[in-house]
Protein backbone atom coordinates (compact mmCIF):
# COMPACT_ATOMS: atom_id res chain seq x y z
CA UNK A 1 -9.91 2.91 -9.74
CA UNK A 2 -13.42 3.49 -10.53
CA UNK A 3 -16.26 3.62 -8.44
CA UNK A 4 -18.81 6.12 -9.96
CA UNK A 5 -20.07 8.49 -7.68
CA UNK A 6 -23.61 8.00 -9.38
CA UNK A 7 -23.70 4.11 -8.64
CA UNK A 8 -27.10 3.58 -6.55
CA UNK A 9 -26.74 2.99 -2.97
CA UNK A 10 -22.65 4.28 -2.63
CA UNK A 11 -21.54 5.23 1.05
CA UNK A 12 -18.83 5.91 3.20
CA UNK A 13 -17.95 5.12 6.52
CA UNK A 14 -17.25 8.21 8.78
CA UNK A 15 -16.66 8.75 12.44
CA UNK A 16 -18.88 5.63 13.23
CA UNK A 17 -21.48 5.88 10.79
CA UNK A 18 -22.53 4.80 7.20
CA UNK A 19 -23.50 7.78 5.05
CA UNK A 20 -24.49 8.69 1.58
CA UNK A 21 -20.86 9.38 -0.63
CA UNK A 22 -22.23 12.60 -1.85
CA UNK A 23 -23.08 14.02 1.87
CA UNK A 24 -19.77 12.90 3.16
CA UNK A 25 -18.14 17.02 2.64
CA UNK A 26 -15.88 19.13 4.75
CA UNK A 27 -15.53 23.17 5.05
CA UNK A 28 -12.79 23.99 2.61
CA UNK A 29 -10.75 25.69 5.61
CA UNK A 30 -10.96 22.12 7.04
CA UNK A 31 -8.55 20.84 4.24
CA UNK A 32 -5.36 23.03 4.65
CA UNK A 33 -3.28 22.70 7.73
CA UNK A 34 -5.43 19.21 8.98
CA UNK A 35 -4.00 17.71 5.95
CA UNK A 36 -0.43 18.06 6.55
CA UNK A 37 -0.85 15.11 9.35
CA UNK A 38 -3.32 13.02 7.93
CA UNK A 39 -2.39 9.40 7.99
CA UNK A 40 -4.20 6.88 5.21
CA UNK A 41 -3.77 3.28 4.40
CA UNK A 42 -4.92 1.40 1.20
CA UNK A 43 -6.64 -2.18 1.52
CA UNK A 44 -7.05 -4.53 -0.95
CA UNK A 45 -10.34 -6.87 -1.06
CA UNK A 46 -10.66 -9.15 -3.59
CA UNK A 47 -13.43 -11.19 -4.87
CA UNK A 48 -13.02 -15.21 -4.62
CA UNK A 49 -15.12 -16.76 -7.58
CA UNK A 50 -14.81 -20.16 -5.46
CA UNK A 51 -16.49 -18.26 -2.30
CA UNK A 52 -18.44 -15.86 -3.85
CA UNK A 53 -17.35 -13.85 -1.02
CA UNK A 54 -14.98 -10.32 -0.90
CA UNK A 55 -11.70 -11.00 0.87
CA UNK A 56 -10.07 -8.32 2.37
CA UNK A 57 -6.63 -8.80 2.65
CA UNK A 58 -4.65 -8.24 6.16
CA UNK A 59 -7.84 -5.72 7.22
CA UNK A 60 -6.69 -5.83 10.79
CA UNK A 61 -2.76 -5.35 10.81
CA UNK A 62 -3.39 -2.18 8.22
CA UNK A 63 -5.82 -0.52 11.14
CA UNK A 64 -3.28 -1.29 13.46
CA UNK A 65 -0.83 0.55 11.43
CA UNK A 66 -2.85 3.55 10.90
CA UNK A 67 -3.85 4.11 14.56
CA UNK A 68 -0.02 3.76 14.90
CA UNK A 69 0.49 6.19 12.33
CA UNK A 70 -2.18 8.86 14.24
CA UNK A 71 -0.71 8.58 17.57
CA UNK A 72 3.14 9.23 16.02
CA UNK A 73 1.51 11.84 14.81
CA UNK A 74 0.02 12.93 17.81
CA UNK A 75 -3.40 12.93 16.81
CA UNK A 76 -5.81 10.77 18.59
CA UNK A 77 -8.09 8.66 17.18
CA UNK A 78 -11.55 7.52 18.79
CA UNK A 79 -11.50 3.76 17.24
CA UNK A 80 -9.00 1.41 17.58
CA UNK A 81 -8.03 -1.13 15.33
CA UNK A 82 -10.58 -3.57 15.95
CA UNK A 83 -13.21 -1.20 15.23
CA UNK A 84 -12.02 0.17 12.04
CA UNK A 85 -11.62 -4.00 10.82
CA UNK A 86 -15.65 -4.10 11.74
CA UNK A 87 -15.91 -0.32 9.88
CA UNK A 88 -14.20 -1.54 7.07
CA UNK A 89 -16.02 -4.94 6.89
CA UNK A 90 -19.65 -3.36 7.26
CA UNK A 91 -18.40 -0.89 4.75
CA UNK A 92 -17.67 -3.55 2.00
CA UNK A 93 -21.03 -5.76 2.45
CA UNK A 94 -22.36 -2.55 0.94
CA UNK A 95 -20.23 -1.12 -2.24
CA UNK A 96 -19.00 -4.87 -2.79
CA UNK A 97 -20.65 -6.05 -5.59
CA UNK A 98 -19.67 -10.20 -7.32
CA UNK A 99 -16.67 -10.20 -9.28
CA UNK A 100 -15.17 -7.25 -8.73
CA UNK A 101 -12.47 -6.35 -6.26
CA UNK A 102 -12.70 -3.08 -3.80
CA UNK A 103 -9.64 -1.35 -2.95
CA UNK A 104 -10.82 0.21 0.50
CA UNK A 105 -9.13 4.13 1.93
CA UNK A 106 -8.90 4.25 5.64
CA UNK A 107 -7.48 7.67 6.57
CA UNK A 108 -7.65 10.07 9.48
CA UNK A 109 -7.20 13.97 10.06
CA UNK A 110 -7.38 16.73 12.63
CA UNK A 111 -10.84 17.38 13.20
CA UNK A 112 -12.43 20.60 12.63
CA UNK A 113 -11.39 23.82 11.72
CA UNK A 114 -7.41 24.69 12.01
CA UNK A 115 -6.54 27.82 10.50
CA UNK A 116 -3.33 27.76 12.55
CA UNK A 117 0.20 26.59 10.95
CA UNK A 118 0.95 23.54 13.25
CA UNK A 119 -2.31 21.38 14.48
CA UNK A 120 -1.82 21.07 18.55
CA UNK A 121 -0.44 17.86 19.96
CA UNK A 122 -3.70 15.65 20.30
CA UNK A 123 -6.29 16.70 18.66
CA UNK A 124 -8.65 14.40 17.29
CA UNK A 125 -8.74 12.25 14.70
CA UNK A 126 -11.78 12.14 12.18
CA UNK A 127 -11.64 8.65 10.44
CA UNK A 128 -13.49 8.35 7.15
CA UNK A 129 -13.21 4.91 4.97
CA UNK A 130 -13.63 5.45 1.05
CA UNK A 131 -13.75 2.83 -1.79
CA UNK A 132 -13.81 2.52 -5.35
CA UNK A 133 -13.45 -0.45 -7.56
CA UNK A 134 -9.99 -1.48 -8.85
CA UNK A 135 -8.35 -4.19 -11.24
CA UNK A 136 -5.52 -6.57 -10.53
CA UNK A 137 -2.75 -6.71 -11.50
CA UNK A 138 -1.86 -10.27 -10.68
CA UNK A 139 -1.37 -12.68 -13.48
CA UNK A 140 -2.02 -10.19 -16.29
CA UNK A 141 1.91 -10.31 -17.35
CA UNK A 142 2.18 -6.32 -16.20
CA UNK A 143 6.30 -5.13 -15.97
CA UNK A 144 7.47 -1.93 -15.07
CA UNK A 145 11.08 0.32 -15.96
CA UNK A 146 12.47 1.80 -13.01
CA UNK A 147 15.17 5.15 -12.92
CA UNK A 148 16.28 6.32 -9.36
CA UNK A 149 15.41 9.53 -8.77
CA UNK A 150 17.47 12.36 -8.31
CA UNK A 151 15.36 13.15 -5.40
CA UNK A 152 16.58 11.54 -2.28
CA UNK A 153 14.49 9.45 0.19
CA UNK A 154 12.94 11.63 2.69
CA UNK A 155 15.55 11.64 5.82
CA UNK A 156 13.80 9.62 8.35
CA UNK A 157 15.68 11.29 10.94
CA UNK A 158 13.44 14.38 9.26
CA UNK A 159 10.29 12.28 9.54
CA UNK A 160 10.41 8.72 10.77
CA UNK A 161 9.72 6.67 7.41
CA UNK A 162 7.43 4.31 9.74
CA UNK A 163 4.48 7.07 9.70
CA UNK A 164 2.09 6.48 6.67
CA UNK A 165 1.49 9.90 6.44
CA UNK A 166 0.22 12.05 3.35
CA UNK A 167 3.13 14.46 3.72
CA UNK A 168 5.56 12.03 3.24
CA UNK A 169 4.30 10.70 0.36
CA UNK A 170 5.16 14.21 -1.09
CA UNK A 171 8.89 12.50 -1.43
CA UNK A 172 7.02 9.86 -3.93
CA UNK A 173 5.45 12.20 -5.83
CA UNK A 174 8.36 14.04 -7.13
CA UNK A 175 10.62 11.02 -7.52
CA UNK A 176 7.66 9.59 -9.86
CA UNK A 177 7.66 13.08 -12.08
CA UNK A 178 11.01 12.57 -12.12
CA UNK A 179 11.26 8.91 -13.42
CA UNK A 180 8.44 9.65 -15.92
CA UNK A 181 10.20 12.80 -17.30
CA UNK A 182 13.36 10.24 -18.11
CA UNK A 183 10.94 7.50 -19.74
CA UNK A 184 10.52 5.25 -16.53
CA UNK A 185 7.36 4.41 -14.51
CA UNK A 186 8.68 4.39 -10.90
CA UNK A 187 11.19 5.63 -8.98
CA UNK A 188 13.84 4.19 -6.90
CA UNK A 189 14.82 6.05 -3.85
CA UNK A 190 18.09 6.33 -2.51
CA UNK A 191 19.22 7.67 1.38
CA UNK A 192 21.65 9.70 2.01
CA UNK A 193 24.20 6.82 2.29
CA UNK A 194 23.37 5.90 -1.25
CA UNK A 195 21.55 3.01 -0.08
CA UNK A 196 18.14 1.34 -1.67
CA UNK A 197 15.39 2.38 0.48
CA UNK A 198 12.25 1.89 -1.81
CA UNK A 199 10.28 3.00 -4.32
CA UNK A 200 7.03 5.34 -4.93
CA UNK A 201 4.34 3.59 -2.33
CA UNK A 202 5.91 0.39 -2.90
CA UNK A 203 9.27 -1.94 -1.66
CA UNK A 204 11.32 -3.26 -3.73
CA UNK A 205 12.38 -7.00 -3.52
CA UNK A 206 16.08 -8.18 -5.61
CA UNK A 207 16.32 -11.62 -6.40
CA UNK A 208 19.74 -13.05 -6.09
CA UNK A 209 20.83 -16.60 -6.86
CA UNK A 210 17.18 -17.55 -6.01
CA UNK A 211 17.27 -15.59 -2.75
CA UNK A 212 14.63 -12.56 -1.83
CA UNK A 213 16.76 -9.59 -0.59
CA UNK A 214 15.15 -6.52 0.32
CA UNK A 215 16.31 -3.45 2.06
CA UNK A 216 16.41 -3.43 6.13
CA UNK A 217 14.05 -1.26 8.00
CA UNK A 218 17.09 1.01 8.85
CA UNK A 219 17.58 2.18 5.04
CA UNK A 220 14.67 4.75 5.73
CA UNK A 221 11.56 2.22 4.70
CA UNK A 222 8.14 1.76 5.49
CA UNK A 223 7.36 -1.50 6.93
CA UNK A 224 5.21 -2.92 4.52
CA UNK A 225 2.77 -5.52 5.37
CA UNK A 226 2.59 -6.97 1.65
CA UNK A 227 6.64 -7.63 1.78
CA UNK A 228 5.79 -9.42 5.52
CA UNK A 229 2.69 -11.84 3.64
CA UNK A 230 5.15 -12.03 0.78
CA UNK A 231 8.12 -12.87 2.51
CA UNK A 232 6.25 -15.70 4.97
CA UNK A 233 4.74 -17.07 1.95
CA UNK A 234 8.39 -17.21 -0.16
CA UNK A 235 9.71 -19.07 3.04
CA UNK A 236 6.55 -21.72 3.29
CA UNK A 237 8.08 -22.65 -0.47
CA UNK A 238 11.66 -22.89 0.77
CA UNK A 239 12.47 -19.93 -1.09
CA UNK A 240 15.43 -17.97 0.77
CA UNK A 241 14.78 -14.51 1.96
CA UNK A 242 17.77 -11.82 3.28
CA UNK A 243 16.87 -8.43 4.51
CA UNK A 244 20.26 -5.96 4.41
CA UNK A 245 21.97 -2.69 3.11
CA UNK A 246 21.29 -2.91 -0.63
CA UNK A 247 23.79 -0.15 -3.09
CA UNK A 248 22.31 1.05 -6.09
CA UNK A 249 24.61 -0.80 -8.79
CA UNK A 250 23.43 -4.00 -7.42
CA UNK A 251 20.02 -3.92 -8.94
CA UNK A 252 21.47 -3.32 -12.37
CA UNK A 253 22.93 -6.80 -12.01
CA UNK A 254 20.23 -8.52 -9.76
CA UNK A 255 18.58 -11.36 -11.50
CA UNK A 256 15.05 -10.84 -10.76
CA UNK A 257 13.41 -6.97 -9.62
CA UNK A 258 9.88 -6.95 -8.29
CA UNK A 259 7.89 -3.97 -6.37
CA UNK A 260 5.91 -5.09 -3.59
CA UNK A 261 2.68 -2.65 -2.19
CA UNK A 262 -1.02 -2.89 -1.66
CA UNK A 263 -1.33 -0.76 -5.59
CA UNK A 264 1.64 -2.80 -6.91
CA UNK A 265 0.97 -5.88 -6.03
CA UNK A 266 3.72 -7.84 -7.26
CA UNK A 267 4.90 -6.20 -10.23
CA UNK A 268 8.05 -7.35 -11.70
CA UNK A 269 11.10 -4.77 -12.99
CA UNK A 270 12.37 -4.94 -15.99
CA UNK A 271 14.97 -2.56 -16.58
CA UNK A 272 16.65 0.20 -13.49
CA UNK A 273 18.02 3.64 -15.44
CA UNK A 274 18.15 1.57 -18.89
CA UNK A 275 19.90 -1.60 -17.40
CA UNK A 276 17.98 -4.96 -18.59
CA UNK A 277 16.58 -7.08 -15.76
CA UNK A 278 16.92 -10.99 -16.49
CA UNK A 279 15.91 -10.83 -20.45
CA UNK A 280 14.56 -7.59 -20.11
CA UNK A 281 11.06 -7.78 -21.23
CA UNK A 282 9.31 -10.45 -18.72
CA UNK A 283 8.92 -11.32 -15.11
CA UNK A 284 11.29 -14.05 -13.93
CA UNK A 285 10.76 -17.63 -12.43
CA UNK A 286 11.06 -16.50 -9.25
CA UNK A 287 9.18 -13.74 -9.55
CA UNK A 288 7.12 -15.68 -11.47
CA UNK A 289 6.03 -18.32 -8.15
CA UNK A 290 5.95 -15.75 -5.64
CA UNK A 291 3.22 -13.40 -7.49
CA UNK A 292 1.52 -16.76 -8.25
CA UNK A 293 1.79 -17.86 -4.57
CA UNK A 294 0.66 -14.20 -3.74
CA UNK A 295 -2.48 -14.35 -6.09
CA UNK A 296 -3.66 -17.42 -4.73
CA UNK A 297 -3.33 -16.11 -1.02
CA UNK A 298 -5.74 -13.37 -1.70
CA UNK A 299 -7.79 -14.71 -3.38
CA UNK A 300 -8.35 -17.55 -0.27
CA UNK A 301 -7.01 -20.61 -2.34
CA UNK A 302 -4.62 -21.14 0.24
CA UNK A 303 -5.62 -23.14 3.38
CA UNK A 304 -2.94 -22.05 5.38
CA UNK A 305 -3.78 -18.11 5.91
CA UNK A 306 -7.02 -17.81 6.53
CA UNK A 307 -5.96 -15.35 9.38
CA UNK A 308 -4.90 -12.97 6.71
CA UNK A 309 -8.50 -13.01 5.22
CA UNK A 310 -11.50 -10.98 6.14
CA UNK A 311 -14.27 -12.67 4.32
CA UNK A 312 -17.83 -10.90 3.56
CA UNK A 313 -20.90 -11.56 1.20
CA UNK A 314 -21.76 -8.52 -0.71
CA UNK A 315 -25.22 -7.07 0.16
CA UNK A 316 -25.14 -8.58 3.33
CA UNK A 317 -25.46 -5.29 5.17
C-alpha cells in the first residue's frame, strides 16, 4: 500500500475538517494511554474503469461498526455513521485518482492529553480518516499458507471480540509472528475449547462438499462485513452456506479453504500446518467462483448490489 506523503494536495479528514496530511499531528503525550481504547476500520474503494468512478464498498456499514466499537469502549464520538460516511466520500473525492484503488483508515481515539493509566468513560473520541493507495489481490492468483497459532484467540469474555479496537489486534500480531517463524503466511487462532475462530484480521471459510462453512459468532470472532457480503453473494449464486463450530482438524481435511476480509479480500489457502488443501497449489473451483462474484460486486459489475457502493468521482471536491 502506497500513498506518498509528498503527493501534491494530499489531505486527511480530522474531526470535521479536511487538512493537509502533514499537519495531522498530535503531541507524543496524546498517544500512549489514549491509544488503548482506540477503535478503527479498514475500508476499500475500488476503481471502476467502466464507470470512471471510485466505489467505496459498504462505507456506512463500516462507519456504523466504528461508532459501535467506540461506544462499547466507553468513548463518545462526535459524529454518527452518516456523517462519517459523507466525510469518507469527501476524502475519496480529494485523494482519488483514475485507475487507483484506495484504502481508507477511519479510526477514533480518546481526545486530548492522557497521563492516567485508564482513560475515563465518556471521554470524547477524536476521529480521523486517512487514506492510501493499495493493489488489489483479486484475480491475481495469490494464495497463502496457514499455521495454527501457539497463541490462543483472545478470550472474548475478557475483551469482546466484536470490538474492532487496536488493543485486540496485538493478539493477531503475536500469532502472525509465530506463523511466519514456522514458514507460514498467516495464523489460525483457536479458542479455549480448541475451536477455530479466525486468522489475523481475516475470517476463515472452509468448503466441504460444496458448502461454505465458517465459525459462528459464539466461537469468538469479529462480525465480518466482507464475510456477510460474500455469503449473500454465494447464496444468490446457489452456493450453500453454513455457520457452525469448526474443529482444528477439519481444516486439514477441507476440500477448499480461504480467508476473507477487507485487506485479505478473498485469499485462497493452499496448506494448513503442512497439510495440503486441494491440490496444494491453487484455489479450488468454489473459491474461484466466490472470488469472481466478490470482484464483480466491488467493481460495480453486479446490478443487484448497488446499495453496497458509494460512487465518487475523483477530483470532484
